[in-house]
Amino acid sequence: MLALGLSLKPRHFINIAKQPGSVILGLIMQLALLPAIALLLVLGWQLSGTLAAGLILLALAPGGATSNAISFLARGDTALSISLTAITSLIVPFTLPLLLAIQYQWLGLDSQSFQIPVGPTTKQLVVVTLIPILIGMALRHAFDQPVAAAHQHIQRLVGFLFIALVAAMAWVNRAQLPELWSQATLAVLSLCIIAMCCAAVIARIARLNAQTQTTLAIEVGIQNAGTAMMVAATLMQQPALAMIALLYGIVMNLPAALIIFWRRRLKTR
C-alpha cells in the first residue's frame, strides 16, 4: 500500500473530472456488480462454508496495483486504471467490513465462525491500507524526483515480497491445497471471467472506446487478492479463508494473460 501511494499523484484524482462517466461506471461495477456476481455464484452453485465466504470476500476487495500493471500491458487506459485504484483504496476500508458482515449474515455464514467485527476491522484496514497510501503520496509530493527514479526498484521489491508471501502461505497450507484446488478453482476463475465479460459488455453498450472497455474489464475482473488475504488471515484469523484468495491470486493470471495477448495482437494488426 505504501508503494501504491508512492505511485499516486493528485493528478490521478484530477483525471476523474476529465472522464467522470467512465470512473462512475467503473466504481458502480466494482462496488455493486461484482459482489452481485459473487452472490449469484454462491446461490446458483449452492456453495457453502469457506468457499462461499472466500468468494464474497474477494468480490468486496476490487482493484489494486496488479490491475494497473495488467491494464498497462493490455494497452488500456492506464490513467483511468490508476484513478479507479486510488478511489477504491480510499473507499474499501469502510465498505468491505460493513458489506461483508451484511452478506455473511444474510447467507448464514456468520454462524460458521466467519464473523467480522465491523468497527475494529474498519480501523485496522484504515491503519494498514489508507494511512500507508497517504504517507506514500506525501513522500511522492515531497521527494518527487528521487521517488520516481526509484519507482521500478520499489515495484520489484513489492513484487518479490508478495511472491514470497504467496509461497509461504502455500507452503504452510500445502496439505489443504490439492483438495482446495479441485473445489475452488472453477468458482474463483468464474468470478474473474464473468466479471470481465459483464464489464466489457456494459462498457461497450455505453459506447466507450476500446481502451476504456479494456481497462474497465480488467478493473472489475481482477481483484485485490493481497487485501483479501490480509483480511482473512490477520483480521478474521481464518487461514483457510485466506487460501481462497491465494488460489485466486494464482488462477487470475490466466484470463489476465489472455486479455493482454488479445489486446496486443489487435494492436499489431
C-alpha atoms as a PDB file:
ATOM      1  CA  MET A   1       0.000   0.000   0.000  1.00  0.00           C
ATOM      2  CA  LEU A   2       2.911   2.340   0.682  1.00  0.00           C
ATOM      3  CA  ALA A   3       4.298   1.505  -2.762  1.00  0.00           C
ATOM      4  CA  LEU A   4       0.873   2.201  -4.293  1.00  0.00           C
ATOM      5  CA  GLY A   5       0.846   5.601  -2.571  1.00  0.00           C
ATOM      6  CA  LEU A   6       4.307   6.349  -3.958  1.00  0.00           C
ATOM      7  CA  SER A   7       2.911   5.866  -7.476  1.00  0.00           C
ATOM      8  CA  LEU A   8      -0.035   8.229  -6.977  1.00  0.00           C
ATOM      9  CA  LYS A   9      -0.190  11.961  -7.588  1.00  0.00           C
ATOM     10  CA  PRO A  10      -3.014  14.483  -7.166  1.00  0.00           C
ATOM     11  CA  ARG A  11      -3.426  14.461 -10.965  1.00  0.00           C
ATOM     12  CA  HIS A  12      -4.714  10.877 -10.764  1.00  0.00           C
ATOM     13  CA  PHE A  13      -7.661  12.240  -8.796  1.00  0.00           C
ATOM     14  CA  ILE A  14      -7.932  15.301 -11.034  1.00  0.00           C
ATOM     15  CA  ASN A  15      -8.191  12.931 -14.023  1.00  0.00           C
ATOM     16  CA  ILE A  16     -11.549  11.844 -12.617  1.00  0.00           C
ATOM     17  CA  ALA A  17     -13.024  15.205 -13.621  1.00  0.00           C
ATOM     18  CA  LYS A  18     -11.904  14.627 -17.217  1.00  0.00           C
ATOM     19  CA  GLN A  19     -13.828  11.365 -17.619  1.00  0.00           C
ATOM     20  CA  PRO A  20     -16.380  11.225 -14.773  1.00  0.00           C
ATOM     21  CA  GLY A  21     -18.699   8.889 -16.668  1.00  0.00           C
ATOM     22  CA  SER A  22     -16.072   6.149 -17.046  1.00  0.00           C
ATOM     23  CA  VAL A  23     -14.961   6.484 -13.410  1.00  0.00           C
ATOM     24  CA  ILE A  24     -18.513   6.406 -12.025  1.00  0.00           C
ATOM     25  CA  LEU A  25     -19.423   3.427 -14.226  1.00  0.00           C
ATOM     26  CA  GLY A  26     -16.264   1.605 -13.115  1.00  0.00           C
ATOM     27  CA  LEU A  27     -16.980   2.260  -9.429  1.00  0.00           C
ATOM     28  CA  ILE A  28     -20.588   1.076  -9.742  1.00  0.00           C
ATOM     29  CA  MET A  29     -19.449  -2.152 -11.384  1.00  0.00           C
ATOM     30  CA  GLN A  30     -16.662  -2.707  -8.830  1.00  0.00           C
ATOM     31  CA  LEU A  31     -18.758  -1.958  -5.750  1.00  0.00           C
ATOM     32  CA  ALA A  32     -22.176  -3.293  -6.851  1.00  0.00           C
ATOM     33  CA  LEU A  33     -21.992  -5.540  -9.927  1.00  0.00           C
ATOM     34  CA  LEU A  34     -19.002  -7.563  -8.720  1.00  0.00           C
ATOM     35  CA  PRO A  35     -20.495  -8.508  -5.315  1.00  0.00           C
ATOM     36  CA  ALA A  36     -23.775  -9.330  -7.094  1.00  0.00           C
ATOM     37  CA  ILE A  37     -21.958 -11.758  -9.416  1.00  0.00           C
ATOM     38  CA  ALA A  38     -20.259 -13.422  -6.437  1.00  0.00           C
ATOM     39  CA  LEU A  39     -23.596 -13.710  -4.638  1.00  0.00           C
ATOM     40  CA  LEU A  40     -25.256 -15.266  -7.693  1.00  0.00           C
ATOM     41  CA  LEU A  41     -22.411 -17.797  -7.974  1.00  0.00           C
ATOM     42  CA  VAL A  42     -22.777 -18.718  -4.300  1.00  0.00           C
ATOM     43  CA  LEU A  43     -26.548 -19.123  -4.576  1.00  0.00           C
ATOM     44  CA  GLY A  44     -26.590 -20.687  -8.049  1.00  0.00           C
ATOM     45  CA  TRP A  45     -23.966 -23.329  -7.262  1.00  0.00           C
ATOM     46  CA  GLN A  46     -25.112 -23.655  -3.646  1.00  0.00           C
ATOM     47  CA  LEU A  47     -21.630 -23.015  -2.343  1.00  0.00           C
ATOM     48  CA  SER A  48     -21.177 -23.147   1.396  1.00  0.00           C
ATOM     49  CA  GLY A  49     -18.641 -22.628   4.142  1.00  0.00           C
ATOM     50  CA  THR A  50     -15.138 -21.415   3.369  1.00  0.00           C
ATOM     51  CA  LEU A  51     -15.568 -21.273  -0.412  1.00  0.00           C
ATOM     52  CA  ALA A  52     -18.705 -19.109  -0.242  1.00  0.00           C
ATOM     53  CA  ALA A  53     -17.153 -16.828   2.375  1.00  0.00           C
ATOM     54  CA  GLY A  54     -13.938 -16.512   0.357  1.00  0.00           C
ATOM     55  CA  LEU A  55     -15.744 -15.668  -2.881  1.00  0.00           C
ATOM     56  CA  ILE A  56     -17.773 -12.927  -1.184  1.00  0.00           C
ATOM     57  CA  LEU A  57     -14.629 -11.524   0.447  1.00  0.00           C
ATOM     58  CA  LEU A  58     -12.775 -11.414  -2.883  1.00  0.00           C
ATOM     59  CA  ALA A  59     -15.624  -9.561  -4.576  1.00  0.00           C
ATOM     60  CA  LEU A  60     -15.503  -6.846  -1.908  1.00  0.00           C
ATOM     61  CA  ALA A  61     -11.772  -6.189  -2.456  1.00  0.00           C
ATOM     62  CA  PRO A  62     -11.629  -4.769  -6.010  1.00  0.00           C
ATOM     63  CA  GLY A  63      -8.715  -3.399  -7.974  1.00  0.00           C
ATOM     64  CA  GLY A  64      -5.156  -2.991  -6.723  1.00  0.00           C
ATOM     65  CA  ALA A  65      -1.716  -2.416  -8.144  1.00  0.00           C
ATOM     66  CA  THR A  66      -1.887  -5.676 -10.112  1.00  0.00           C
ATOM     67  CA  SER A  67      -4.830  -4.446 -12.182  1.00  0.00           C
ATOM     68  CA  ASN A  68      -2.869  -1.285 -13.017  1.00  0.00           C
ATOM     69  CA  ALA A  69       0.040  -3.349 -14.352  1.00  0.00           C
ATOM     70  CA  ILE A  70      -2.289  -5.610 -16.356  1.00  0.00           C
ATOM     71  CA  SER A  71      -4.105  -2.598 -17.816  1.00  0.00           C
ATOM     72  CA  PHE A  72      -0.757  -1.131 -18.868  1.00  0.00           C
ATOM     73  CA  LEU A  73       0.374  -4.383 -20.500  1.00  0.00           C
ATOM     74  CA  ALA A  74      -3.004  -4.746 -22.274  1.00  0.00           C
ATOM     75  CA  ARG A  75      -2.647  -1.189 -23.633  1.00  0.00           C
ATOM     76  CA  GLY A  76      -5.709   0.029 -21.824  1.00  0.00           C
ATOM     77  CA  ASP A  77      -6.349   3.418 -20.262  1.00  0.00           C
ATOM     78  CA  THR A  78      -3.709   3.306 -17.509  1.00  0.00           C
ATOM     79  CA  ALA A  79      -4.662   6.723 -16.093  1.00  0.00           C
ATOM     80  CA  LEU A  80      -8.261   5.526 -15.624  1.00  0.00           C
ATOM     81  CA  SER A  81      -7.000   2.297 -14.059  1.00  0.00           C
ATOM     82  CA  ILE A  82      -4.850   4.147 -11.521  1.00  0.00           C
ATOM     83  CA  SER A  83      -7.640   6.628 -10.773  1.00  0.00           C
ATOM     84  CA  LEU A  84     -10.076   3.790 -10.014  1.00  0.00           C
ATOM     85  CA  THR A  85      -7.481   2.067  -7.829  1.00  0.00           C
ATOM     86  CA  ALA A  86      -6.849   5.311  -5.970  1.00  0.00           C
ATOM     87  CA  ILE A  87     -10.562   5.797  -5.231  1.00  0.00           C
ATOM     88  CA  THR A  88     -11.299   2.191  -4.247  1.00  0.00           C
ATOM     89  CA  SER A  89      -8.219   2.162  -1.997  1.00  0.00           C
ATOM     90  CA  LEU A  90      -9.795   5.023  -0.057  1.00  0.00           C
ATOM     91  CA  ILE A  91     -13.296   3.513  -0.032  1.00  0.00           C
ATOM     92  CA  VAL A  92     -12.705  -0.203   0.589  1.00  0.00           C
ATOM     93  CA  PRO A  93     -11.519   0.128   4.235  1.00  0.00           C
ATOM     94  CA  PHE A  94     -15.006   1.420   5.024  1.00  0.00           C
ATOM     95  CA  THR A  95     -17.185  -0.599   2.611  1.00  0.00           C
ATOM     96  CA  LEU A  96     -15.546  -4.034   2.951  1.00  0.00           C
ATOM     97  CA  PRO A  97     -16.210  -4.742   6.674  1.00  0.00           C
ATOM     98  CA  LEU A  98     -19.799  -3.444   6.547  1.00  0.00           C
ATOM     99  CA  LEU A  99     -20.849  -5.205   3.322  1.00  0.00           C
ATOM    100  CA  LEU A 100     -19.017  -8.381   4.330  1.00  0.00           C
ATOM    101  CA  ALA A 101     -20.874  -8.542   7.654  1.00  0.00           C
ATOM    102  CA  ILE A 102     -24.222  -7.903   5.940  1.00  0.00           C
ATOM    103  CA  GLN A 103     -23.722 -10.561   3.249  1.00  0.00           C
ATOM    104  CA  TYR A 104     -22.320 -13.146   5.682  1.00  0.00           C
ATOM    105  CA  GLN A 105     -25.312 -12.629   7.955  1.00  0.00           C
ATOM    106  CA  TRP A 106     -27.747 -12.843   5.039  1.00  0.00           C
ATOM    107  CA  LEU A 107     -26.165 -16.106   3.834  1.00  0.00           C
ATOM    108  CA  GLY A 108     -25.939 -17.507   7.361  1.00  0.00           C
ATOM    109  CA  LEU A 109     -22.145 -17.630   7.199  1.00  0.00           C
ATOM    110  CA  ASP A 110     -21.699 -15.569  10.364  1.00  0.00           C
ATOM    111  CA  SER A 111     -22.800 -18.621  12.353  1.00  0.00           C
ATOM    112  CA  GLN A 112     -19.908 -20.631  10.850  1.00  0.00           C
ATOM    113  CA  SER A 113     -17.102 -18.671  12.584  1.00  0.00           C
ATOM    114  CA  PHE A 114     -16.896 -16.166   9.712  1.00  0.00           C
ATOM    115  CA  GLN A 115     -17.847 -13.242  11.907  1.00  0.00           C
ATOM    116  CA  ILE A 116     -16.177  -9.897  11.315  1.00  0.00           C
ATOM    117  CA  PRO A 117     -16.320  -7.015  13.817  1.00  0.00           C
ATOM    118  CA  VAL A 118     -17.148  -4.038  11.594  1.00  0.00           C
ATOM    119  CA  GLY A 119     -15.763  -1.223  13.747  1.00  0.00           C
ATOM    120  CA  PRO A 120     -12.389  -2.758  14.713  1.00  0.00           C
ATOM    121  CA  THR A 121     -11.876  -4.142  11.192  1.00  0.00           C
ATOM    122  CA  THR A 122     -12.516  -0.728   9.630  1.00  0.00           C
ATOM    123  CA  LYS A 123      -9.978   0.852  11.979  1.00  0.00           C
ATOM    124  CA  GLN A 124      -7.354  -1.791  11.208  1.00  0.00           C
ATOM    125  CA  LEU A 125      -7.948  -1.532   7.449  1.00  0.00           C
ATOM    126  CA  VAL A 126      -7.511   2.235   7.669  1.00  0.00           C
ATOM    127  CA  VAL A 127      -4.220   1.706   9.516  1.00  0.00           C
ATOM    128  CA  VAL A 128      -2.788  -0.870   7.116  1.00  0.00           C
ATOM    129  CA  THR A 129      -4.177   0.447   3.815  1.00  0.00           C
ATOM    130  CA  LEU A 130      -5.351   4.058   3.846  1.00  0.00           C
ATOM    131  CA  ILE A 131      -2.616   5.562   6.053  1.00  0.00           C
ATOM    132  CA  PRO A 132       0.298   3.944   4.123  1.00  0.00           C
ATOM    133  CA  ILE A 133      -1.226   5.193   0.847  1.00  0.00           C
ATOM    134  CA  LEU A 134      -1.466   8.752   2.189  1.00  0.00           C
ATOM    135  CA  ILE A 135       2.105   8.564   3.543  1.00  0.00           C
ATOM    136  CA  GLY A 136       3.294   7.329   0.152  1.00  0.00           C
ATOM    137  CA  MET A 137       1.525  10.172  -1.633  1.00  0.00           C
ATOM    138  CA  ALA A 138       3.057  12.694   0.783  1.00  0.00           C
ATOM    139  CA  LEU A 139       6.542  11.264   0.178  1.00  0.00           C
ATOM    140  CA  ARG A 140       5.978  11.358  -3.585  1.00  0.00           C
ATOM    141  CA  HIS A 141       4.925  15.004  -3.342  1.00  0.00           C
ATOM    142  CA  ALA A 142       7.908  15.954  -1.151  1.00  0.00           C
ATOM    143  CA  PHE A 143      10.567  13.915  -2.982  1.00  0.00           C
ATOM    144  CA  ASP A 144       9.136  13.552  -6.480  1.00  0.00           C
ATOM    145  CA  GLN A 145      12.355  13.035  -8.442  1.00  0.00           C
ATOM    146  CA  PRO A 146      14.085  10.537  -6.079  1.00  0.00           C
ATOM    147  CA  VAL A 147      10.872   8.509  -5.684  1.00  0.00           C
ATOM    148  CA  ALA A 148      10.275   8.494  -9.453  1.00  0.00           C
ATOM    149  CA  ALA A 149      13.865   7.348 -10.032  1.00  0.00           C
ATOM    150  CA  ALA A 150      13.460   4.507  -7.522  1.00  0.00           C
ATOM    151  CA  HIS A 151       9.949   3.542  -8.678  1.00  0.00           C
ATOM    152  CA  GLN A 152      10.948   0.447 -10.681  1.00  0.00           C
ATOM    153  CA  HIS A 153      13.137  -0.858  -7.841  1.00  0.00           C
ATOM    154  CA  ILE A 154      10.300  -0.341  -5.376  1.00  0.00           C
ATOM    155  CA  GLN A 155       7.880  -2.210  -7.649  1.00  0.00           C
ATOM    156  CA  ARG A 156      10.322  -5.103  -7.984  1.00  0.00           C
ATOM    157  CA  LEU A 157      10.756  -5.262  -4.206  1.00  0.00           C
ATOM    158  CA  VAL A 158       6.996  -5.251  -3.635  1.00  0.00           C
ATOM    159  CA  GLY A 159       6.532  -7.940  -6.293  1.00  0.00           C
ATOM    160  CA  PHE A 160       9.206 -10.089  -4.656  1.00  0.00           C
ATOM    161  CA  LEU A 161       7.648  -9.652  -1.197  1.00  0.00           C
ATOM    162  CA  PHE A 162       4.180 -10.542  -2.496  1.00  0.00           C
ATOM    163  CA  ILE A 163       5.509 -13.668  -4.247  1.00  0.00           C
ATOM    164  CA  ALA A 164       7.332 -14.603  -1.043  1.00  0.00           C
ATOM    165  CA  LEU A 165       4.098 -14.185   0.936  1.00  0.00           C
ATOM    166  CA  VAL A 166       2.136 -16.328  -1.534  1.00  0.00           C
ATOM    167  CA  ALA A 167       4.849 -19.017  -1.480  1.00  0.00           C
ATOM    168  CA  ALA A 168       4.955 -19.006   2.340  1.00  0.00           C
ATOM    169  CA  MET A 169       1.163 -19.331   2.655  1.00  0.00           C
ATOM    170  CA  ALA A 170       1.110 -22.088   0.038  1.00  0.00           C
ATOM    171  CA  TRP A 171       3.842 -23.985   1.925  1.00  0.00           C
ATOM    172  CA  VAL A 172       2.196 -23.627   5.339  1.00  0.00           C
ATOM    173  CA  ASN A 173      -1.140 -24.843   3.914  1.00  0.00           C
ATOM    174  CA  ARG A 174       0.325 -27.343   1.424  1.00  0.00           C
ATOM    175  CA  ALA A 175      -1.713 -30.236   2.842  1.00  0.00           C
ATOM    176  CA  GLN A 176      -5.005 -28.467   2.010  1.00  0.00           C
ATOM    177  CA  LEU A 177      -4.016 -27.145  -1.415  1.00  0.00           C
ATOM    178  CA  PRO A 178      -4.848 -30.222  -3.563  1.00  0.00           C
ATOM    179  CA  GLU A 179      -8.364 -30.503  -2.161  1.00  0.00           C
ATOM    180  CA  LEU A 180      -8.902 -26.758  -2.277  1.00  0.00           C
ATOM    181  CA  TRP A 181      -7.662 -26.561  -5.858  1.00  0.00           C
ATOM    182  CA  SER A 182     -10.191 -29.103  -7.105  1.00  0.00           C
ATOM    183  CA  GLN A 183     -13.116 -27.474  -5.283  1.00  0.00           C
ATOM    184  CA  ALA A 184     -12.460 -23.778  -5.650  1.00  0.00           C
ATOM    185  CA  THR A 185     -10.654 -23.265  -8.965  1.00  0.00           C
ATOM    186  CA  LEU A 186     -13.833 -23.166 -11.053  1.00  0.00           C
ATOM    187  CA  ALA A 187     -15.534 -20.761  -8.636  1.00  0.00           C
ATOM    188  CA  VAL A 188     -12.761 -18.150  -8.451  1.00  0.00           C
ATOM    189  CA  LEU A 189     -11.998 -18.427 -12.160  1.00  0.00           C
ATOM    190  CA  SER A 190     -15.695 -17.979 -12.972  1.00  0.00           C
ATOM    191  CA  LEU A 191     -15.867 -14.879 -10.774  1.00  0.00           C
ATOM    192  CA  CYS A 192     -12.950 -13.341 -12.663  1.00  0.00           C
ATOM    193  CA  ILE A 193     -14.105 -14.230 -16.188  1.00  0.00           C
ATOM    194  CA  ILE A 194     -17.806 -13.412 -15.714  1.00  0.00           C
ATOM    195  CA  ALA A 195     -16.944 -10.050 -14.122  1.00  0.00           C
ATOM    196  CA  MET A 196     -14.583  -9.229 -17.008  1.00  0.00           C
ATOM    197  CA  CYS A 197     -17.159 -10.149 -19.648  1.00  0.00           C
ATOM    198  CA  CYS A 198     -20.019  -8.259 -17.966  1.00  0.00           C
ATOM    199  CA  ALA A 199     -17.882  -5.129 -17.551  1.00  0.00           C
ATOM    200  CA  ALA A 200     -16.729  -5.271 -21.177  1.00  0.00           C
ATOM    201  CA  VAL A 201     -20.310  -5.653 -22.459  1.00  0.00           C
ATOM    202  CA  ILE A 202     -21.627  -2.803 -20.290  1.00  0.00           C
ATOM    203  CA  ALA A 203     -18.742  -0.533 -21.350  1.00  0.00           C
ATOM    204  CA  ARG A 204     -19.456  -1.376 -24.989  1.00  0.00           C
ATOM    205  CA  ILE A 205     -23.170  -0.606 -24.563  1.00  0.00           C
ATOM    206  CA  ALA A 206     -22.108   2.724 -23.022  1.00  0.00           C
ATOM    207  CA  ARG A 207     -20.182   3.355 -26.265  1.00  0.00           C
ATOM    208  CA  LEU A 208     -16.842   3.819 -24.536  1.00  0.00           C
ATOM    209  CA  ASN A 209     -13.683   3.415 -26.597  1.00  0.00           C
ATOM    210  CA  ALA A 210     -11.699   0.170 -26.788  1.00  0.00           C
ATOM    211  CA  GLN A 211      -9.050   1.345 -24.333  1.00  0.00           C
ATOM    212  CA  THR A 212     -11.644   2.206 -21.714  1.00  0.00           C
ATOM    213  CA  GLN A 213     -13.546  -1.041 -22.315  1.00  0.00           C
ATOM    214  CA  THR A 214     -10.330  -2.981 -21.728  1.00  0.00           C
ATOM    215  CA  THR A 215      -9.499  -1.109 -18.542  1.00  0.00           C
ATOM    216  CA  LEU A 216     -12.985  -1.481 -17.043  1.00  0.00           C
ATOM    217  CA  ALA A 217     -12.989  -5.208 -17.832  1.00  0.00           C
ATOM    218  CA  ILE A 218      -9.665  -5.586 -16.027  1.00  0.00           C
ATOM    219  CA  GLU A 219     -10.567  -3.352 -13.074  1.00  0.00           C
ATOM    220  CA  VAL A 220     -13.821  -5.213 -12.457  1.00  0.00           C
ATOM    221  CA  GLY A 221     -12.419  -8.680 -13.168  1.00  0.00           C
ATOM    222  CA  ILE A 222      -9.099  -8.506 -11.291  1.00  0.00           C
ATOM    223  CA  GLN A 223      -9.472  -8.400  -7.506  1.00  0.00           C
ATOM    224  CA  ASN A 224      -7.047  -7.329  -4.788  1.00  0.00           C
ATOM    225  CA  ALA A 225      -6.013 -10.770  -3.569  1.00  0.00           C
ATOM    226  CA  GLY A 226      -3.470  -9.225  -1.190  1.00  0.00           C
ATOM    227  CA  THR A 227      -6.111  -7.260   0.724  1.00  0.00           C
ATOM    228  CA  ALA A 228      -8.441 -10.284   0.837  1.00  0.00           C
ATOM    229  CA  MET A 229      -5.615 -12.481   2.167  1.00  0.00           C
ATOM    230  CA  MET A 230      -4.724  -9.912   4.815  1.00  0.00           C
ATOM    231  CA  VAL A 231      -8.330  -9.524   5.990  1.00  0.00           C
ATOM    232  CA  ALA A 232      -8.886 -13.285   6.150  1.00  0.00           C
ATOM    233  CA  ALA A 233      -5.609 -14.323   7.776  1.00  0.00           C
ATOM    234  CA  THR A 234      -4.926 -11.347  10.040  1.00  0.00           C
ATOM    235  CA  LEU A 235      -8.202  -9.617  10.886  1.00  0.00           C
ATOM    236  CA  MET A 236     -10.544 -12.636  10.785  1.00  0.00           C
ATOM    237  CA  GLN A 237      -7.955 -15.198  11.924  1.00  0.00           C
ATOM    238  CA  GLN A 238      -9.106 -17.589   9.163  1.00  0.00           C
ATOM    239  CA  PRO A 239      -6.057 -19.045   7.301  1.00  0.00           C
ATOM    240  CA  ALA A 240      -8.312 -21.412   5.343  1.00  0.00           C
ATOM    241  CA  LEU A 241     -10.299 -18.422   4.075  1.00  0.00           C
ATOM    242  CA  ALA A 242      -7.071 -16.730   3.008  1.00  0.00           C
ATOM    243  CA  MET A 243      -6.308 -19.783   0.877  1.00  0.00           C
ATOM    244  CA  ILE A 244      -9.271 -18.937  -1.387  1.00  0.00           C
ATOM    245  CA  ALA A 245      -7.717 -15.525  -2.060  1.00  0.00           C
ATOM    246  CA  LEU A 246      -4.342 -17.208  -2.559  1.00  0.00           C
ATOM    247  CA  LEU A 247      -5.833 -19.579  -5.116  1.00  0.00           C
ATOM    248  CA  TYR A 248      -7.484 -16.651  -6.876  1.00  0.00           C
ATOM    249  CA  GLY A 249      -4.144 -14.832  -6.984  1.00  0.00           C
ATOM    250  CA  ILE A 250      -2.778 -17.794  -8.937  1.00  0.00           C
ATOM    251  CA  VAL A 251      -5.590 -18.535 -11.400  1.00  0.00           C
ATOM    252  CA  MET A 252      -6.455 -14.894 -12.220  1.00  0.00           C
ATOM    253  CA  ASN A 253      -3.254 -14.786 -14.251  1.00  0.00           C
ATOM    254  CA  LEU A 254      -4.862 -16.969 -16.944  1.00  0.00           C
ATOM    255  CA  PRO A 255      -7.654 -14.558 -18.041  1.00  0.00           C
ATOM    256  CA  ALA A 256      -5.255 -11.649 -17.452  1.00  0.00           C
ATOM    257  CA  ALA A 257      -2.710 -13.187 -19.827  1.00  0.00           C
ATOM    258  CA  LEU A 258      -5.424 -13.876 -22.409  1.00  0.00           C
ATOM    259  CA  ILE A 259      -6.705 -10.294 -22.420  1.00  0.00           C
ATOM    260  CA  ILE A 260      -3.131  -8.942 -22.665  1.00  0.00           C
ATOM    261  CA  PHE A 261      -2.379 -11.288 -25.576  1.00  0.00           C
ATOM    262  CA  TRP A 262      -5.648 -10.414 -27.348  1.00  0.00           C
ATOM    263  CA  ARG A 263      -5.201  -6.643 -26.983  1.00  0.00           C
ATOM    264  CA  ARG A 264      -1.560  -6.650 -28.081  1.00  0.00           C
ATOM    265  CA  ARG A 265      -2.402  -8.885 -31.037  1.00  0.00           C
ATOM    266  CA  LEU A 266      -5.086  -6.408 -32.131  1.00  0.00           C
ATOM    267  CA  LYS A 267      -2.574  -3.557 -31.918  1.00  0.00           C
ATOM    268  CA  THR A 268      -0.084  -5.344 -34.154  1.00  0.00           C
ATOM    269  CA  ARG A 269      -2.579  -5.821 -36.982  1.00  0.00           C
END
